[in-house]
All heavy atoms as atom14 arrays in JSON, in Angstrom:
{
  "sequence": "LDDIKRQFELNAPLETKTLMHQTTEDLVQSGIMEKVLKIGDAVPAF",
  "atom14_mask": [
    [1, 1, 1, 1, 1, 1, 1, 1, 0, 0, 0, 0, 0, 0],
    [1, 1, 1, 1, 1, 1, 1, 1, 0, 0, 0, 0, 0, 0],
    [1, 1, 1, 1, 1, 1, 1, 1, 0, 0, 0, 0, 0, 0],
    [1, 1, 1, 1, 1, 1, 1, 1, 0, 0, 0, 0, 0, 0],
    [1, 1, 1, 1, 1, 1, 1, 1, 1, 0, 0, 0, 0, 0],
    [1, 1, 1, 1, 1, 1, 1, 1, 1, 1, 1, 0, 0, 0],
    [1, 1, 1, 1, 1, 1, 1, 1, 1, 0, 0, 0, 0, 0],
    [1, 1, 1, 1, 1, 1, 1, 1, 1, 1, 1, 0, 0, 0],
    [1, 1, 1, 1, 1, 1, 1, 1, 1, 0, 0, 0, 0, 0],
    [1, 1, 1, 1, 1, 1, 1, 1, 0, 0, 0, 0, 0, 0],
    [1, 1, 1, 1, 1, 1, 1, 1, 0, 0, 0, 0, 0, 0],
    [1, 1, 1, 1, 1, 0, 0, 0, 0, 0, 0, 0, 0, 0],
    [1, 1, 1, 1, 1, 1, 1, 0, 0, 0, 0, 0, 0, 0],
    [1, 1, 1, 1, 1, 1, 1, 1, 0, 0, 0, 0, 0, 0],
    [1, 1, 1, 1, 1, 1, 1, 1, 1, 0, 0, 0, 0, 0],
    [1, 1, 1, 1, 1, 1, 1, 0, 0, 0, 0, 0, 0, 0],
    [1, 1, 1, 1, 1, 1, 1, 1, 1, 0, 0, 0, 0, 0],
    [1, 1, 1, 1, 1, 1, 1, 0, 0, 0, 0, 0, 0, 0],
    [1, 1, 1, 1, 1, 1, 1, 1, 0, 0, 0, 0, 0, 0],
    [1, 1, 1, 1, 1, 1, 1, 1, 0, 0, 0, 0, 0, 0],
    [1, 1, 1, 1, 1, 1, 1, 1, 1, 1, 0, 0, 0, 0],
    [1, 1, 1, 1, 1, 1, 1, 1, 1, 0, 0, 0, 0, 0],
    [1, 1, 1, 1, 1, 1, 1, 0, 0, 0, 0, 0, 0, 0],
    [1, 1, 1, 1, 1, 1, 1, 0, 0, 0, 0, 0, 0, 0],
    [1, 1, 1, 1, 1, 1, 1, 1, 1, 0, 0, 0, 0, 0],
    [1, 1, 1, 1, 1, 1, 1, 1, 0, 0, 0, 0, 0, 0],
    [1, 1, 1, 1, 1, 1, 1, 1, 0, 0, 0, 0, 0, 0],
    [1, 1, 1, 1, 1, 1, 1, 0, 0, 0, 0, 0, 0, 0],
    [1, 1, 1, 1, 1, 1, 1, 1, 1, 0, 0, 0, 0, 0],
    [1, 1, 1, 1, 1, 1, 0, 0, 0, 0, 0, 0, 0, 0],
    [1, 1, 1, 1, 0, 0, 0, 0, 0, 0, 0, 0, 0, 0],
    [1, 1, 1, 1, 1, 1, 1, 1, 0, 0, 0, 0, 0, 0],
    [1, 1, 1, 1, 1, 1, 1, 1, 0, 0, 0, 0, 0, 0],
    [1, 1, 1, 1, 1, 1, 1, 1, 1, 0, 0, 0, 0, 0],
    [1, 1, 1, 1, 1, 1, 1, 1, 1, 0, 0, 0, 0, 0],
    [1, 1, 1, 1, 1, 1, 1, 0, 0, 0, 0, 0, 0, 0],
    [1, 1, 1, 1, 1, 1, 1, 1, 0, 0, 0, 0, 0, 0],
    [1, 1, 1, 1, 1, 1, 1, 1, 1, 0, 0, 0, 0, 0],
    [1, 1, 1, 1, 1, 1, 1, 1, 0, 0, 0, 0, 0, 0],
    [1, 1, 1, 1, 0, 0, 0, 0, 0, 0, 0, 0, 0, 0],
    [1, 1, 1, 1, 1, 1, 1, 1, 0, 0, 0, 0, 0, 0],
    [1, 1, 1, 1, 1, 0, 0, 0, 0, 0, 0, 0, 0, 0],
    [1, 1, 1, 1, 1, 1, 1, 0, 0, 0, 0, 0, 0, 0],
    [1, 1, 1, 1, 1, 1, 1, 0, 0, 0, 0, 0, 0, 0],
    [1, 1, 1, 1, 1, 0, 0, 0, 0, 0, 0, 0, 0, 0],
    [1, 1, 1, 1, 1, 1, 1, 1, 1, 1, 1, 0, 0, 0]
  ],
  "atom14_positions": [
    [[23.58, -0.77, -3.32], [23.25, -0.31, -4.67], [24.42, 0.42, -5.31], [24.71, 0.23, -6.5], [22.01, 0.58, -4.64], [20.71, -0.11, -4.24], [19.6, 0.93, -4.06], [20.32, -1.16, -5.25], [0.0, 0.0, 0.0], [0.0, 0.0, 0.0], [0.0, 0.0, 0.0], [0.0, 0.0, 0.0], [0.0, 0.0, 0.0], [0.0, 0.0, 0.0]],
    [[25.11, 1.25, -4.53], [26.29, 1.96, -5.03], [27.37, 0.97, -5.45], [28.04, 1.16, -6.47], [26.83, 2.93, -3.98], [25.91, 4.11, -3.73], [25.01, 4.37, -4.56], [26.08, 4.76, -2.67], [0.0, 0.0, 0.0], [0.0, 0.0, 0.0], [0.0, 0.0, 0.0], [0.0, 0.0, 0.0], [0.0, 0.0, 0.0], [0.0, 0.0, 0.0]],
    [[27.53, -0.09, -4.68], [28.54, -1.11, -5.0], [28.17, -1.84, -6.29], [29.04, -2.08, -7.14], [28.67, -2.1, -3.84], [29.8, -3.09, -4.07], [30.92, -2.64, -4.39], [29.54, -4.3, -3.94], [0.0, 0.0, 0.0], [0.0, 0.0, 0.0], [0.0, 0.0, 0.0], [0.0, 0.0, 0.0], [0.0, 0.0, 0.0], [0.0, 0.0, 0.0]],
    [[26.92, -2.18, -6.46], [26.47, -2.84, -7.68], [26.73, -1.93, -8.89], [27.21, -2.39, -9.93], [24.97, -3.21, -7.59], [24.78, -4.34, -6.57], [24.41, -3.61, -8.96], [23.34, -4.61, -6.2], [0.0, 0.0, 0.0], [0.0, 0.0, 0.0], [0.0, 0.0, 0.0], [0.0, 0.0, 0.0], [0.0, 0.0, 0.0], [0.0, 0.0, 0.0]],
    [[26.44, -0.65, -8.74], [26.68, 0.3, -9.83], [28.18, 0.39, -10.16], [28.56, 0.39, -11.33], [26.14, 1.68, -9.46], [26.28, 2.69, -10.58], [25.66, 4.01, -10.19], [25.81, 5.03, -11.3], [25.23, 6.33, -10.94], [0.0, 0.0, 0.0], [0.0, 0.0, 0.0], [0.0, 0.0, 0.0], [0.0, 0.0, 0.0], [0.0, 0.0, 0.0]],
    [[29.02, 0.45, -9.13], [30.47, 0.5, -9.36], [30.95, -0.74, -10.11], [31.74, -0.65, -11.06], [31.22, 0.61, -8.03], [31.43, 2.02, -7.55], [32.4, 2.07, -6.37], [31.95, 1.33, -5.2], [31.08, 1.8, -4.31], [30.6, 3.02, -4.42], [30.72, 1.06, -3.28], [0.0, 0.0, 0.0], [0.0, 0.0, 0.0], [0.0, 0.0, 0.0]],
    [[30.47, -1.9, -9.7], [30.87, -3.15, -10.36], [30.41, -3.18, -11.81], [31.14, -3.63, -12.69], [30.31, -4.36, -9.59], [30.95, -4.57, -8.24], [32.45, -4.78, -8.35], [32.95, -5.5, -9.2], [33.2, -4.1, -7.49], [0.0, 0.0, 0.0], [0.0, 0.0, 0.0], [0.0, 0.0, 0.0], [0.0, 0.0, 0.0], [0.0, 0.0, 0.0]],
    [[29.21, -2.69, -12.06], [28.71, -2.61, -13.43], [29.61, -1.72, -14.27], [30.01, -2.08, -15.38], [27.27, -2.09, -13.44], [26.77, -1.8, -14.84], [26.29, -2.83, -15.62], [26.78, -0.52, -15.35], [25.84, -2.58, -16.91], [26.33, -0.26, -16.63], [25.85, -1.3, -17.42], [0.0, 0.0, 0.0], [0.0, 0.0, 0.0], [0.0, 0.0, 0.0]],
    [[29.92, -0.54, -13.74], [30.76, 0.41, -14.48], [32.15, -0.17, -14.76], [32.75, 0.11, -15.8], [30.89, 1.73, -13.72], [29.61, 2.53, -13.63], [29.14, 3.11, -14.96], [29.95, 3.19, -15.91], [27.97, 3.49, -15.06], [0.0, 0.0, 0.0], [0.0, 0.0, 0.0], [0.0, 0.0, 0.0], [0.0, 0.0, 0.0], [0.0, 0.0, 0.0]],
    [[32.66, -0.98, -13.86], [33.98, -1.59, -14.05], [33.96, -2.74, -15.06], [34.93, -2.93, -15.79], [34.52, -2.11, -12.72], [35.0, -1.07, -11.71], [35.31, -1.73, -10.38], [36.22, -0.33, -12.25], [0.0, 0.0, 0.0], [0.0, 0.0, 0.0], [0.0, 0.0, 0.0], [0.0, 0.0, 0.0], [0.0, 0.0, 0.0], [0.0, 0.0, 0.0]],
    [[32.87, -3.51, -15.08], [32.88, -4.77, -15.81], [32.02, -4.84, -17.07], [32.25, -5.72, -17.9], [32.45, -5.9, -14.86], [33.4, -6.04, -13.7], [34.61, -6.06, -13.88], [32.86, -6.1, -12.49], [0.0, 0.0, 0.0], [0.0, 0.0, 0.0], [0.0, 0.0, 0.0], [0.0, 0.0, 0.0], [0.0, 0.0, 0.0], [0.0, 0.0, 0.0]],
    [[31.05, -3.97, -17.22], [30.16, -4.05, -18.38], [30.89, -3.6, -19.65], [31.77, -2.73, -19.6], [28.92, -3.18, -18.16], [0.0, 0.0, 0.0], [0.0, 0.0, 0.0], [0.0, 0.0, 0.0], [0.0, 0.0, 0.0], [0.0, 0.0, 0.0], [0.0, 0.0, 0.0], [0.0, 0.0, 0.0], [0.0, 0.0, 0.0], [0.0, 0.0, 0.0]],
    [[30.55, -4.18, -20.78], [31.14, -3.74, -22.05], [30.81, -2.26, -22.3], [29.75, -1.77, -21.92], [30.46, -4.62, -23.09], [29.91, -5.79, -22.34], [29.62, -5.29, -20.96], [0.0, 0.0, 0.0], [0.0, 0.0, 0.0], [0.0, 0.0, 0.0], [0.0, 0.0, 0.0], [0.0, 0.0, 0.0], [0.0, 0.0, 0.0], [0.0, 0.0, 0.0]],
    [[31.73, -1.55, -22.95], [31.55, -0.12, -23.22], [30.24, 0.15, -23.96], [29.53, 1.1, -23.65], [32.73, 0.41, -24.03], [32.67, 1.89, -24.4], [32.58, 2.76, -23.15], [33.88, 2.26, -25.25], [0.0, 0.0, 0.0], [0.0, 0.0, 0.0], [0.0, 0.0, 0.0], [0.0, 0.0, 0.0], [0.0, 0.0, 0.0], [0.0, 0.0, 0.0]],
    [[29.9, -0.68, -24.95], [28.67, -0.49, -25.71], [27.45, -0.55, -24.79], [26.52, 0.25, -24.92], [28.57, -1.56, -26.79], [27.34, -1.43, -27.66], [27.3, -2.5, -28.75], [28.29, -2.62, -29.5], [26.28, -3.2, -28.82], [0.0, 0.0, 0.0], [0.0, 0.0, 0.0], [0.0, 0.0, 0.0], [0.0, 0.0, 0.0], [0.0, 0.0, 0.0]],
    [[27.44, -1.46, -23.86], [26.32, -1.6, -22.92], [26.23, -0.39, -22.01], [25.14, 0.16, -21.81], [26.5, -2.88, -22.08], [26.54, -4.01, -22.95], [25.37, -3.04, -21.07], [0.0, 0.0, 0.0], [0.0, 0.0, 0.0], [0.0, 0.0, 0.0], [0.0, 0.0, 0.0], [0.0, 0.0, 0.0], [0.0, 0.0, 0.0], [0.0, 0.0, 0.0]],
    [[27.36, 0.05, -21.48], [27.36, 1.23, -20.6], [26.92, 2.47, -21.36], [26.14, 3.27, -20.84], [28.74, 1.44, -19.99], [29.13, 0.37, -18.99], [30.42, 0.71, -18.27], [31.61, 0.52, -19.17], [32.89, 0.58, -18.44], [0.0, 0.0, 0.0], [0.0, 0.0, 0.0], [0.0, 0.0, 0.0], [0.0, 0.0, 0.0], [0.0, 0.0, 0.0]],
    [[27.4, 2.64, -22.58], [27.03, 3.81, -23.39], [25.54, 3.83, -23.63], [24.88, 4.86, -23.47], [27.81, 3.79, -24.72], [29.2, 3.81, -24.45], [27.43, 4.99, -25.57], [0.0, 0.0, 0.0], [0.0, 0.0, 0.0], [0.0, 0.0, 0.0], [0.0, 0.0, 0.0], [0.0, 0.0, 0.0], [0.0, 0.0, 0.0], [0.0, 0.0, 0.0]],
    [[24.97, 2.68, -24.01], [23.53, 2.6, -24.26], [22.74, 2.89, -22.99], [21.75, 3.64, -23.02], [23.17, 1.22, -24.81], [21.69, 0.97, -25.08], [21.15, 1.95, -26.11], [21.48, -0.46, -25.54], [0.0, 0.0, 0.0], [0.0, 0.0, 0.0], [0.0, 0.0, 0.0], [0.0, 0.0, 0.0], [0.0, 0.0, 0.0], [0.0, 0.0, 0.0]],
    [[23.17, 2.34, -21.87], [22.46, 2.57, -20.62], [22.49, 4.04, -20.22], [21.47, 4.62, -19.85], [23.06, 1.72, -19.51], [22.24, 1.77, -18.23], [23.0, 0.8, -16.94], [23.62, 2.1, -15.91], [0.0, 0.0, 0.0], [0.0, 0.0, 0.0], [0.0, 0.0, 0.0], [0.0, 0.0, 0.0], [0.0, 0.0, 0.0], [0.0, 0.0, 0.0]],
    [[23.66, 4.67, -20.31], [23.77, 6.08, -19.94], [22.94, 6.96, -20.87], [22.29, 7.91, -20.43], [25.23, 6.52, -19.92], [26.02, 5.9, -18.82], [25.74, 6.09, -17.49], [27.1, 5.06, -18.85], [26.59, 5.41, -16.74], [27.43, 4.77, -17.55], [0.0, 0.0, 0.0], [0.0, 0.0, 0.0], [0.0, 0.0, 0.0], [0.0, 0.0, 0.0]],
    [[22.94, 6.65, -22.17], [22.16, 7.45, -23.13], [20.67, 7.29, -22.88], [19.92, 8.25, -22.92], [22.5, 7.06, -24.57], [21.78, 7.92, -25.59], [22.11, 9.4, -25.44], [23.27, 9.77, -25.47], [21.1, 10.25, -25.29], [0.0, 0.0, 0.0], [0.0, 0.0, 0.0], [0.0, 0.0, 0.0], [0.0, 0.0, 0.0], [0.0, 0.0, 0.0]],
    [[20.25, 6.07, -22.59], [18.83, 5.83, -22.31], [18.4, 6.56, -21.05], [17.32, 7.15, -21.0], [18.57, 4.31, -22.17], [18.99, 3.67, -23.38], [17.11, 4.02, -21.92], [0.0, 0.0, 0.0], [0.0, 0.0, 0.0], [0.0, 0.0, 0.0], [0.0, 0.0, 0.0], [0.0, 0.0, 0.0], [0.0, 0.0, 0.0], [0.0, 0.0, 0.0]],
    [[19.24, 6.54, -20.03], [18.94, 7.27, -18.79], [18.82, 8.76, -19.07], [17.88, 9.42, -18.61], [20.02, 7.0, -17.73], [20.06, 5.6, -17.46], [19.74, 7.76, -16.44], [0.0, 0.0, 0.0], [0.0, 0.0, 0.0], [0.0, 0.0, 0.0], [0.0, 0.0, 0.0], [0.0, 0.0, 0.0], [0.0, 0.0, 0.0], [0.0, 0.0, 0.0]],
    [[19.75, 9.3, -19.82], [19.71, 10.73, -20.17], [18.47, 11.07, -20.99], [17.84, 12.1, -20.77], [20.97, 11.13, -20.93], [21.05, 12.6, -21.28], [21.01, 13.53, -20.06], [21.41, 13.11, -18.96], [20.56, 14.68, -20.22], [0.0, 0.0, 0.0], [0.0, 0.0, 0.0], [0.0, 0.0, 0.0], [0.0, 0.0, 0.0], [0.0, 0.0, 0.0]],
    [[18.09, 10.19, -21.91], [16.88, 10.4, -22.7], [15.65, 10.48, -21.79], [14.76, 11.32, -22.0], [16.69, 9.29, -23.73], [17.72, 9.32, -24.85], [18.44, 10.34, -24.99], [17.81, 8.31, -25.58], [0.0, 0.0, 0.0], [0.0, 0.0, 0.0], [0.0, 0.0, 0.0], [0.0, 0.0, 0.0], [0.0, 0.0, 0.0], [0.0, 0.0, 0.0]],
    [[15.58, 9.6, -20.8], [14.46, 9.63, -19.87], [14.43, 10.93, -19.07], [13.37, 11.54, -18.9], [14.52, 8.44, -18.91], [14.11, 7.1, -19.5], [14.47, 5.97, -18.55], [12.63, 7.09, -19.82], [0.0, 0.0, 0.0], [0.0, 0.0, 0.0], [0.0, 0.0, 0.0], [0.0, 0.0, 0.0], [0.0, 0.0, 0.0], [0.0, 0.0, 0.0]],
    [[15.58, 11.36, -18.58], [15.65, 12.61, -17.82], [15.2, 13.77, -18.7], [14.39, 14.62, -18.29], [17.07, 12.84, -17.27], [17.22, 14.25, -16.71], [17.41, 11.8, -16.21], [0.0, 0.0, 0.0], [0.0, 0.0, 0.0], [0.0, 0.0, 0.0], [0.0, 0.0, 0.0], [0.0, 0.0, 0.0], [0.0, 0.0, 0.0], [0.0, 0.0, 0.0]],
    [[15.69, 13.82, -19.94], [15.35, 14.91, -20.85], [13.88, 14.89, -21.26], [13.33, 15.92, -21.66], [16.24, 14.87, -22.09], [17.69, 15.17, -21.82], [17.89, 16.54, -21.2], [17.29, 17.53, -21.6], [18.74, 16.6, -20.18], [0.0, 0.0, 0.0], [0.0, 0.0, 0.0], [0.0, 0.0, 0.0], [0.0, 0.0, 0.0], [0.0, 0.0, 0.0]],
    [[13.23, 13.75, -21.15], [11.82, 13.64, -21.53], [10.9, 14.38, -20.57], [9.74, 14.62, -20.88], [11.39, 12.17, -21.6], [11.21, 11.64, -20.29], [0.0, 0.0, 0.0], [0.0, 0.0, 0.0], [0.0, 0.0, 0.0], [0.0, 0.0, 0.0], [0.0, 0.0, 0.0], [0.0, 0.0, 0.0], [0.0, 0.0, 0.0], [0.0, 0.0, 0.0]],
    [[11.41, 14.71, -19.37], [10.59, 15.38, -18.37], [9.86, 14.43, -17.45], [9.08, 14.86, -16.59], [0.0, 0.0, 0.0], [0.0, 0.0, 0.0], [0.0, 0.0, 0.0], [0.0, 0.0, 0.0], [0.0, 0.0, 0.0], [0.0, 0.0, 0.0], [0.0, 0.0, 0.0], [0.0, 0.0, 0.0], [0.0, 0.0, 0.0], [0.0, 0.0, 0.0]],
    [[10.1, 13.15, -17.6], [9.38, 12.16, -16.8], [9.63, 12.31, -15.3], [8.77, 11.99, -14.48], [9.71, 10.73, -17.26], [8.66, 9.74, -16.74], [11.11, 10.32, -16.86], [8.76, 8.36, -17.35], [0.0, 0.0, 0.0], [0.0, 0.0, 0.0], [0.0, 0.0, 0.0], [0.0, 0.0, 0.0], [0.0, 0.0, 0.0], [0.0, 0.0, 0.0]],
    [[10.8, 12.82, -14.94], [11.12, 12.94, -13.51], [10.21, 13.91, -12.78], [10.03, 13.81, -11.57], [12.59, 13.32, -13.32], [13.56, 12.28, -13.84], [13.27, 10.62, -13.22], [13.7, 10.83, -11.51], [0.0, 0.0, 0.0], [0.0, 0.0, 0.0], [0.0, 0.0, 0.0], [0.0, 0.0, 0.0], [0.0, 0.0, 0.0], [0.0, 0.0, 0.0]],
    [[9.63, 14.86, -13.51], [8.68, 15.79, -12.87], [7.33, 15.13, -12.61], [6.52, 15.66, -11.87], [8.48, 17.04, -13.74], [9.67, 17.98, -13.75], [10.75, 17.57, -14.75], [10.41, 17.15, -15.86], [11.94, 17.67, -14.39], [0.0, 0.0, 0.0], [0.0, 0.0, 0.0], [0.0, 0.0, 0.0], [0.0, 0.0, 0.0], [0.0, 0.0, 0.0]],
    [[7.1, 13.98, -13.23], [5.81, 13.31, -13.12], [5.8, 12.14, -12.14], [4.74, 11.68, -11.74], [5.37, 12.79, -14.49], [5.17, 13.89, -15.51], [4.83, 13.32, -16.85], [4.72, 14.42, -17.9], [4.44, 13.88, -19.22], [0.0, 0.0, 0.0], [0.0, 0.0, 0.0], [0.0, 0.0, 0.0], [0.0, 0.0, 0.0], [0.0, 0.0, 0.0]],
    [[6.98, 11.65, -11.77], [7.03, 10.47, -10.9], [6.69, 10.83, -9.46], [6.89, 11.97, -9.03], [8.41, 9.77, -10.95], [8.71, 9.28, -12.35], [9.5, 10.68, -10.46], [0.0, 0.0, 0.0], [0.0, 0.0, 0.0], [0.0, 0.0, 0.0], [0.0, 0.0, 0.0], [0.0, 0.0, 0.0], [0.0, 0.0, 0.0], [0.0, 0.0, 0.0]],
    [[6.16, 9.85, -8.74], [5.85, 10.07, -7.33], [7.14, 10.19, -6.54], [8.14, 9.51, -6.81], [5.04, 8.9, -6.78], [3.63, 8.74, -7.36], [3.02, 7.44, -6.87], [2.76, 9.92, -7.02], [0.0, 0.0, 0.0], [0.0, 0.0, 0.0], [0.0, 0.0, 0.0], [0.0, 0.0, 0.0], [0.0, 0.0, 0.0], [0.0, 0.0, 0.0]],
    [[7.13, 11.07, -5.57], [8.28, 11.28, -4.69], [7.97, 10.66, -3.32], [6.81, 10.37, -3.0], [8.55, 12.78, -4.51], [8.64, 13.59, -5.79], [9.86, 13.28, -6.6], [10.09, 14.2, -7.76], [9.21, 14.08, -8.88], [0.0, 0.0, 0.0], [0.0, 0.0, 0.0], [0.0, 0.0, 0.0], [0.0, 0.0, 0.0], [0.0, 0.0, 0.0]],
    [[8.99, 10.48, -2.51], [8.79, 9.96, -1.17], [7.79, 10.84, -0.44], [7.92, 12.07, -0.43], [10.13, 9.9, -0.41], [11.05, 8.87, -1.06], [9.91, 9.58, 1.07], [12.45, 8.85, -0.5], [0.0, 0.0, 0.0], [0.0, 0.0, 0.0], [0.0, 0.0, 0.0], [0.0, 0.0, 0.0], [0.0, 0.0, 0.0], [0.0, 0.0, 0.0]],
    [[6.79, 10.23, 0.15], [5.78, 10.96, 0.9], [4.55, 11.34, 0.08], [3.54, 11.75, 0.64], [0.0, 0.0, 0.0], [0.0, 0.0, 0.0], [0.0, 0.0, 0.0], [0.0, 0.0, 0.0], [0.0, 0.0, 0.0], [0.0, 0.0, 0.0], [0.0, 0.0, 0.0], [0.0, 0.0, 0.0], [0.0, 0.0, 0.0], [0.0, 0.0, 0.0]],
    [[4.62, 11.22, -1.25], [3.46, 11.52, -2.09], [2.37, 10.48, -1.88], [2.66, 9.31, -1.64], [3.83, 11.53, -3.57], [4.63, 12.74, -3.99], [4.77, 13.68, -3.18], [5.13, 12.75, -5.14], [0.0, 0.0, 0.0], [0.0, 0.0, 0.0], [0.0, 0.0, 0.0], [0.0, 0.0, 0.0], [0.0, 0.0, 0.0], [0.0, 0.0, 0.0]],
    [[1.13, 10.92, -2.01], [0.0, 9.99, -1.96], [-0.15, 9.34, -3.32], [-0.04, 9.99, -4.36], [-1.28, 10.73, -1.59], [0.0, 0.0, 0.0], [0.0, 0.0, 0.0], [0.0, 0.0, 0.0], [0.0, 0.0, 0.0], [0.0, 0.0, 0.0], [0.0, 0.0, 0.0], [0.0, 0.0, 0.0], [0.0, 0.0, 0.0], [0.0, 0.0, 0.0]],
    [[-0.39, 8.04, -3.32], [-0.6, 7.3, -4.56], [-2.07, 7.4, -4.93], [-2.94, 7.18, -4.09], [-0.2, 5.82, -4.37], [-0.49, 5.01, -5.62], [1.26, 5.71, -3.99], [0.0, 0.0, 0.0], [0.0, 0.0, 0.0], [0.0, 0.0, 0.0], [0.0, 0.0, 0.0], [0.0, 0.0, 0.0], [0.0, 0.0, 0.0], [0.0, 0.0, 0.0]],
    [[-2.37, 7.73, -6.18], [-3.78, 7.77, -6.58], [-4.39, 6.37, -6.53], [-3.68, 5.37, -6.67], [-3.74, 8.3, -8.01], [-2.34, 8.18, -8.48], [-1.46, 8.09, -7.27], [0.0, 0.0, 0.0], [0.0, 0.0, 0.0], [0.0, 0.0, 0.0], [0.0, 0.0, 0.0], [0.0, 0.0, 0.0], [0.0, 0.0, 0.0], [0.0, 0.0, 0.0]],
    [[-5.7, 6.31, -6.33], [-6.39, 5.02, -6.31], [-6.19, 4.32, -7.65], [-6.08, 4.96, -8.7], [-7.88, 5.23, -6.04], [0.0, 0.0, 0.0], [0.0, 0.0, 0.0], [0.0, 0.0, 0.0], [0.0, 0.0, 0.0], [0.0, 0.0, 0.0], [0.0, 0.0, 0.0], [0.0, 0.0, 0.0], [0.0, 0.0, 0.0], [0.0, 0.0, 0.0]],
    [[-6.11, 2.99, -7.6], [-5.91, 2.22, -8.82], [-6.58, 0.87, -8.71], [-6.91, 0.4, -7.63], [-4.41, 2.04, -9.11], [-3.67, 1.33, -8.01], [-3.61, -0.05, -7.96], [-3.05, 2.06, -7.0], [-2.92, -0.7, -6.94], [-2.36, 1.43, -5.98], [-2.31, 0.05, -5.94], [0.0, 0.0, 0.0], [0.0, 0.0, 0.0], [0.0, 0.0, 0.0]]
  ]
}
């Protein structure tokens, strides 16, 4: 996965990388990371 990310960073157009990084930051700032299941968490019935 780290290798795939490195290759993306080297080869993707700047506009694509900028959009991806901004979207990732927007998700982090939204607070969603506090709501996601973590390793070892029980999944609610669905």
